[in-house]
Protein backbone atom coordinates (compact mmCIF):
# COMPACT_ATOMS: atom_id res chain seq x y z
CA MET A 1 -3.11 67.95 68.34
CA LEU A 2 -0.32 68.03 70.91
CA LYS A 3 -2.65 70.26 72.97
CA GLU A 4 -5.40 67.78 73.02
CA ARG A 5 -3.29 64.58 73.95
CA ILE A 6 -1.74 66.56 76.81
CA THR A 7 -5.65 67.70 77.86
CA THR A 8 -6.94 64.13 77.15
CA ALA A 9 -4.04 63.07 79.49
CA LEU A 10 -4.55 65.27 82.41
CA LEU A 11 -8.83 64.81 82.24
CA LEU A 12 -7.90 61.04 82.00
CA VAL A 13 -5.67 60.99 85.39
CA VAL A 14 -8.08 62.96 86.95
CA PHE A 15 -11.89 61.60 86.00
CA VAL A 16 -10.00 58.58 87.01
CA GLY A 17 -7.99 59.64 89.55
CA GLY A 18 -11.41 61.26 91.45
CA PRO A 19 -13.47 57.95 91.64
CA VAL A 20 -10.46 55.55 92.50
CA LEU A 21 -9.49 58.24 95.55
CA LEU A 22 -12.94 59.34 96.72
CA LEU A 23 -15.45 56.32 96.19
CA PRO A 24 -15.94 53.28 98.28
CA GLU A 25 -15.50 50.12 96.38
CA PHE A 26 -19.03 48.96 95.79
CA GLY A 27 -19.27 52.69 93.72
CA PHE A 28 -16.03 52.61 92.03
CA THR A 29 -17.41 49.48 90.79
CA VAL A 30 -20.49 50.50 89.26
CA LEU A 31 -18.96 53.81 87.82
CA ALA A 32 -17.07 51.08 86.13
CA LEU A 33 -19.63 49.24 84.45
CA ALA A 34 -21.18 52.23 83.60
CA VAL A 35 -18.03 53.58 81.91
CA PHE A 36 -17.50 50.10 80.13
CA ALA A 37 -21.28 50.02 79.17
CA ILE A 38 -20.87 53.11 76.89
CA ALA A 39 -17.78 51.64 75.40
CA ALA A 40 -19.58 48.34 74.33
CA TRP A 41 -22.13 50.87 72.92
CA GLU A 42 -19.32 52.41 70.71
CA TRP A 43 -17.74 49.09 70.42
CA ALA A 44 -20.98 47.41 68.96
CA GLN A 45 -21.04 49.70 65.75
CA LEU A 46 -17.34 48.89 65.22
CA ALA A 47 -18.56 45.33 65.17
CA GLY A 48 -21.18 45.94 62.41
CA PHE A 49 -24.19 46.66 64.37
CA LYS A 50 -26.35 49.38 62.58
CA GLY A 51 -29.51 49.73 64.52
CA ARG A 52 -30.30 50.78 68.28
CA ALA A 53 -32.04 47.70 69.69
CA ALA A 54 -29.15 45.63 68.36
CA ARG A 55 -26.48 47.82 69.90
CA GLY A 56 -28.15 48.57 73.50
CA ALA A 57 -28.62 44.41 73.17
CA TYR A 58 -24.84 44.08 72.93
CA VAL A 59 -24.60 46.27 75.79
CA VAL A 60 -27.08 44.32 77.92
CA GLY A 61 -25.13 41.23 77.58
CA HIS A 62 -21.71 42.79 78.03
CA THR A 63 -23.01 44.18 81.19
CA ALA A 64 -24.38 40.81 82.53
CA LEU A 65 -21.24 38.97 81.60
CA ALA A 66 -19.01 41.37 83.13
CA VAL A 67 -20.91 41.21 86.09
CA ALA A 68 -21.55 37.65 86.00
CA LEU A 69 -16.95 37.85 85.82
CA LEU A 70 -17.13 40.01 88.62
CA LEU A 71 -18.90 37.43 91.05
CA TYR A 72 -16.56 34.79 89.84
CA SER A 73 -13.82 36.73 90.82
CA GLY A 74 -15.70 37.56 94.19
CA LEU A 75 -15.34 41.07 93.07
CA PRO A 76 -15.84 43.41 94.76
CA GLY A 77 -14.90 42.30 97.97
CA SER A 78 -12.72 39.52 98.69
CA ILE A 79 -10.07 38.89 95.53
CA ASP A 80 -9.68 35.19 94.59
CA PRO A 81 -5.99 34.88 93.11
CA GLU A 82 -6.59 31.92 91.17
CA ARG A 83 -9.82 32.87 89.12
CA LEU A 84 -8.16 35.92 88.38
CA LEU A 85 -4.83 34.70 87.15
CA THR A 86 -7.14 32.41 84.93
CA VAL A 87 -8.94 35.31 83.16
CA PHE A 88 -6.10 37.55 82.81
CA THR A 89 -4.39 34.44 81.73
CA VAL A 90 -7.16 34.06 78.74
CA ALA A 91 -6.72 37.85 77.84
CA GLY A 92 -3.06 37.64 77.75
CA LEU A 93 -3.24 35.13 75.07
CA TRP A 94 -5.90 36.86 72.95
CA TRP A 95 -3.53 39.89 73.05
CA ALA A 96 -0.77 37.19 71.48
CA LEU A 97 -3.55 36.72 69.16
CA ALA A 98 -4.56 40.47 68.47
CA LEU A 99 -0.82 41.25 67.54
CA LEU A 100 -1.11 38.53 64.83
CA TRP A 101 -3.88 39.91 63.96
CA VAL A 102 -2.78 43.52 63.62
CA GLN A 103 0.49 42.70 62.33
CA SER A 104 -0.80 40.70 59.13
CA TYR A 105 -3.55 43.49 58.44
CA PRO A 106 -5.50 43.85 55.96
CA ALA A 107 -4.79 39.94 55.24
CA SER A 108 -5.88 38.78 59.17
CA SER A 109 -9.77 40.63 57.99
CA VAL A 110 -10.84 37.08 56.72
CA MET A 111 -10.71 35.67 59.79
CA TRP A 112 -12.68 38.20 61.62
CA GLN A 113 -14.23 40.65 59.32
CA HIS A 114 -17.86 38.81 60.42
CA PRO A 115 -19.77 41.09 62.62
CA ILE A 116 -20.11 37.77 65.24
CA THR A 117 -16.51 37.83 65.74
CA ARG A 118 -16.39 41.36 66.28
CA SER A 119 -18.79 41.20 69.18
CA ILE A 120 -16.66 38.44 70.46
CA MET A 121 -13.40 40.10 70.23
CA GLY A 122 -15.13 43.11 71.82
CA LEU A 123 -16.03 41.36 74.87
CA LEU A 124 -12.38 39.85 75.27
CA VAL A 125 -11.29 43.15 75.20
CA LEU A 126 -13.65 44.90 77.48
CA LEU A 127 -14.50 42.59 79.85
CA PRO A 128 -10.62 41.67 81.04
CA ALA A 129 -10.03 45.31 80.97
CA LEU A 130 -13.05 46.21 83.48
CA LEU A 131 -12.00 42.97 86.21
CA ALA A 132 -8.43 44.46 86.19
CA PHE A 133 -9.66 47.85 87.37
CA VAL A 134 -12.06 46.69 89.78
CA TYR A 135 -9.38 44.29 90.93
CA LEU A 136 -6.54 47.02 91.40
CA ARG A 137 -9.23 49.20 92.99
CA ALA A 138 -9.81 46.42 95.61
CA SER A 139 -6.05 46.38 96.31
CA GLY A 140 -6.45 48.10 99.70
CA PRO A 141 -3.25 50.53 100.37
CA TYR A 142 -1.85 49.65 96.67
CA ILE A 143 -5.22 51.21 95.24
CA TRP A 144 -2.69 54.26 93.87
CA LEU A 145 -1.66 51.51 91.31
CA VAL A 146 -4.70 52.67 89.42
CA LEU A 147 -3.49 56.13 88.73
CA TYR A 148 0.10 54.82 87.63
CA LEU A 149 -1.55 52.33 85.34
CA VAL A 150 -3.34 55.60 83.56
CA ALA A 151 -0.34 57.95 83.96
CA LEU A 152 1.73 55.21 82.50
CA VAL A 153 -0.18 55.07 79.26
CA ALA A 154 -0.35 58.85 79.09
CA ALA A 155 3.56 58.57 79.37
CA ALA A 156 3.69 56.37 76.49
CA ASP A 157 1.24 58.40 74.55
CA VAL A 158 2.86 61.74 75.24
CA GLY A 159 6.11 60.08 74.43
CA ALA A 160 5.46 59.11 71.35
CA TYR A 161 4.23 62.23 69.88
CA PHE A 162 7.12 63.81 70.71
CA ALA A 163 9.51 61.58 69.34
CA GLY A 164 7.23 60.51 66.01
CA LYS A 165 7.33 64.38 65.43
CA ALA A 166 10.97 64.40 65.75
CA TRP A 167 12.01 61.38 64.01
CA GLY A 168 9.17 59.37 62.77
CA VAL A 169 10.13 58.59 59.34
CA LYS A 170 9.98 54.68 59.43
CA LYS A 171 6.16 53.58 60.36
CA MET A 172 5.33 51.04 62.49
CA ALA A 173 2.10 49.94 61.10
CA PRO A 174 1.10 51.87 57.79
CA LYS A 175 -2.00 50.01 56.81
CA VAL A 176 -3.46 49.69 60.38
CA SER A 177 -2.62 53.38 61.52
CA PRO A 178 -0.39 55.55 59.49
CA GLY A 179 1.00 57.96 62.17
CA LYS A 180 2.72 55.54 64.28
CA SER A 181 6.54 55.41 63.72
CA TRP A 182 9.42 52.96 65.15
CA ALA A 183 10.82 56.31 66.52
CA GLY A 184 7.07 57.55 68.13
CA LEU A 185 7.53 53.56 70.04
CA ALA A 186 11.30 54.06 71.30
CA GLY A 187 9.66 57.57 72.37
CA GLY A 188 6.80 56.50 74.27
CA ILE A 189 9.18 53.37 76.28
CA THR A 190 11.38 55.81 77.43
CA ALA A 191 8.52 58.09 78.79
CA ALA A 192 7.02 55.39 80.22
CA MET A 193 10.60 54.09 81.64
CA LEU A 194 11.62 56.79 83.01
CA LEU A 195 7.86 57.33 84.56
CA ALA A 196 8.53 53.81 86.08
CA PHE A 197 11.79 54.94 87.31
CA ILE A 198 10.18 58.03 89.28
CA VAL A 199 7.22 56.34 90.82
CA PHE A 200 9.84 53.48 92.32
CA SER A 201 12.28 55.76 93.83
CA VAL A 202 9.57 57.72 95.48
CA ALA A 203 6.59 54.97 96.00
CA ALA A 204 6.35 51.77 98.49
CA ILE A 205 6.47 49.32 95.79
CA PRO A 206 5.53 45.60 96.57
CA LEU A 207 7.82 44.55 93.91
CA SER A 208 11.33 44.62 93.49
CA ALA A 209 13.27 47.30 90.90
CA GLY A 210 13.65 44.86 88.40
CA GLN A 211 10.28 43.33 88.39
CA TRP A 212 8.60 46.99 88.09
CA LEU A 213 10.44 47.62 85.40
CA VAL A 214 9.75 44.76 83.09
CA VAL A 215 6.00 44.85 84.09
CA SER A 216 6.35 48.75 83.37
CA LEU A 217 7.92 47.98 80.38
CA ILE A 218 5.33 45.33 79.12
CA VAL A 219 2.47 47.35 79.94
CA ALA A 220 3.42 50.18 77.80
CA LEU A 221 4.26 48.10 75.14
CA SER A 222 0.70 46.68 75.54
CA SER A 223 -0.88 49.80 75.36
CA VAL A 224 0.08 50.54 72.15
CA LEU A 225 -1.22 47.24 70.82
CA GLY A 226 -4.59 47.91 72.51
CA ASP A 227 -4.22 51.52 70.28
CA LEU A 228 -3.54 49.66 66.91
CA LEU A 229 -6.64 47.02 67.54
CA GLU A 230 -9.19 49.86 67.77
CA SER A 231 -7.26 51.52 64.86
CA MET A 232 -7.49 48.38 62.75
CA LEU A 233 -11.23 48.11 63.36
CA LYS A 234 -12.22 51.45 62.76
CA ARG A 235 -9.80 51.48 59.49
CA HIS A 236 -11.72 48.41 58.18
CA THR A 237 -15.21 49.88 58.98
CA GLY A 238 -14.36 53.36 57.54
CA ILE A 239 -15.04 54.76 61.07
CA LYS A 240 -13.20 57.64 62.43
CA ASP A 241 -14.19 58.14 65.79
CA SER A 242 -15.97 55.76 67.62
CA SER A 243 -18.41 58.01 69.02
CA GLN A 244 -18.81 62.01 69.66
CA ILE A 245 -19.58 61.79 73.15
CA LEU A 246 -16.45 63.50 74.12
CA PRO A 247 -16.54 66.59 71.68
CA GLY A 248 -13.15 67.11 70.27
CA HIS A 249 -11.96 63.89 71.63
CA GLY A 250 -14.35 61.27 70.18
CA GLY A 251 -15.46 58.41 72.01
CA VAL A 252 -14.89 57.20 74.94
CA LEU A 253 -13.46 53.95 73.57
CA ASP A 254 -11.13 56.41 71.49
CA ARG A 255 -9.82 57.41 74.88
CA MET A 256 -9.28 53.77 76.58
CA ASP A 257 -7.98 51.84 73.89
CA GLY A 258 -4.42 51.71 75.35
CA TRP A 259 -6.22 51.07 78.71
CA THR A 260 -7.99 47.68 77.26
CA ALA A 261 -4.82 45.75 76.82
CA ALA A 262 -2.65 47.38 79.77
CA ALA A 263 -4.91 47.08 82.50
CA PRO A 264 -5.52 42.82 82.64
CA VAL A 265 -1.79 42.41 81.42
CA TYR A 266 -0.96 44.29 84.13
CA ALA A 267 -3.10 42.51 86.35
CA LEU A 268 -2.11 39.43 84.68
CA CYS A 269 2.48 40.65 85.73
CA LEU A 270 1.29 41.45 89.26
CA LEU A 271 -0.56 37.57 89.91
CA SER A 272 2.37 35.98 88.18
CA MET A 273 4.84 37.51 90.00
CA GLY A 274 2.40 36.35 93.32
CA TRP A 275 1.33 39.64 94.38
CA SER A 276 -2.26 39.58 94.84
CA GLY A 277 -3.29 42.58 96.41
C-alpha cells in the first residue's frame, strides 16, 4: 500500500508536471478536457448509468458544458477574474453542502441517491476542478502553482498514510471510509504544512506568508473532502474502483478525487485574496 501511494504520487507529479511545463496553454486545455472526460465516464457509473450509450451521453454533455464554462471564463487566453470568482464561489458552496452529506451518511443518501441527482453532483465535482486547472495553467510566470497543488495533495495523502498506520485508532468517518482516522488527518495536514513552509522559503510567492499557509491548509483539508465524497458514492453503489483503466491504481477518478475539491477551493482562495494571475 505504501509503495502504491508513493508511486502514484510520483507518477501524478510527472504526468501533470510534464504537460504543464511542456504543452502550450491550448494544448494543456485539450489534454485536461480529455482527462476529465474519462473521469466523467467513470462518474456516470457512480451516478447509476449502466449502458455505454447513457454513459457516453453523460460524457458528451459534461464536455460540452466544460467548453462553455471555459469560454464564459475567457479560458484559455484572457482571464475574467469576476466570472471565475463566481464559478468558484458556487463550487465552494457545493463542497460545503457535500461536507454535510458526507458527515450525515448514510442518512443523507435519501437526498442524492437518484441517478439524476448524482449526475448533477458529478458536474459540480468535475467542471469547477477542470476550470481551476486551466486557470492555474494560464497564470503566466506562476504556472508552477499547478504543480504545487498536485504536490500538496500528494503530501497530505502520504502523511495521512504514515500517521494513520502508526496512531490511527479513532476513525474519522467509519461509515464512509473506515481506513481514515483523525490521526491520519493530523499527519496529512502536518506534511502539507511542512511542504507549504518549504515552498514559501524558496519560491517567489504572490501572497504573504500568512496567506500562503492558510490557503495551503484549506486546500489540504479540501482534498480530504474530495476523497471522502468519492468514497461515499462508491460505498453507496458497491463499487471498489471507479474503473480499471490504471492497472493496480483503479480509475482516473480514484487518482484525482482529492484534486476535485482542492483545485476549485485553491483557485477560490487565490481570487478572493485579490490575485488573478
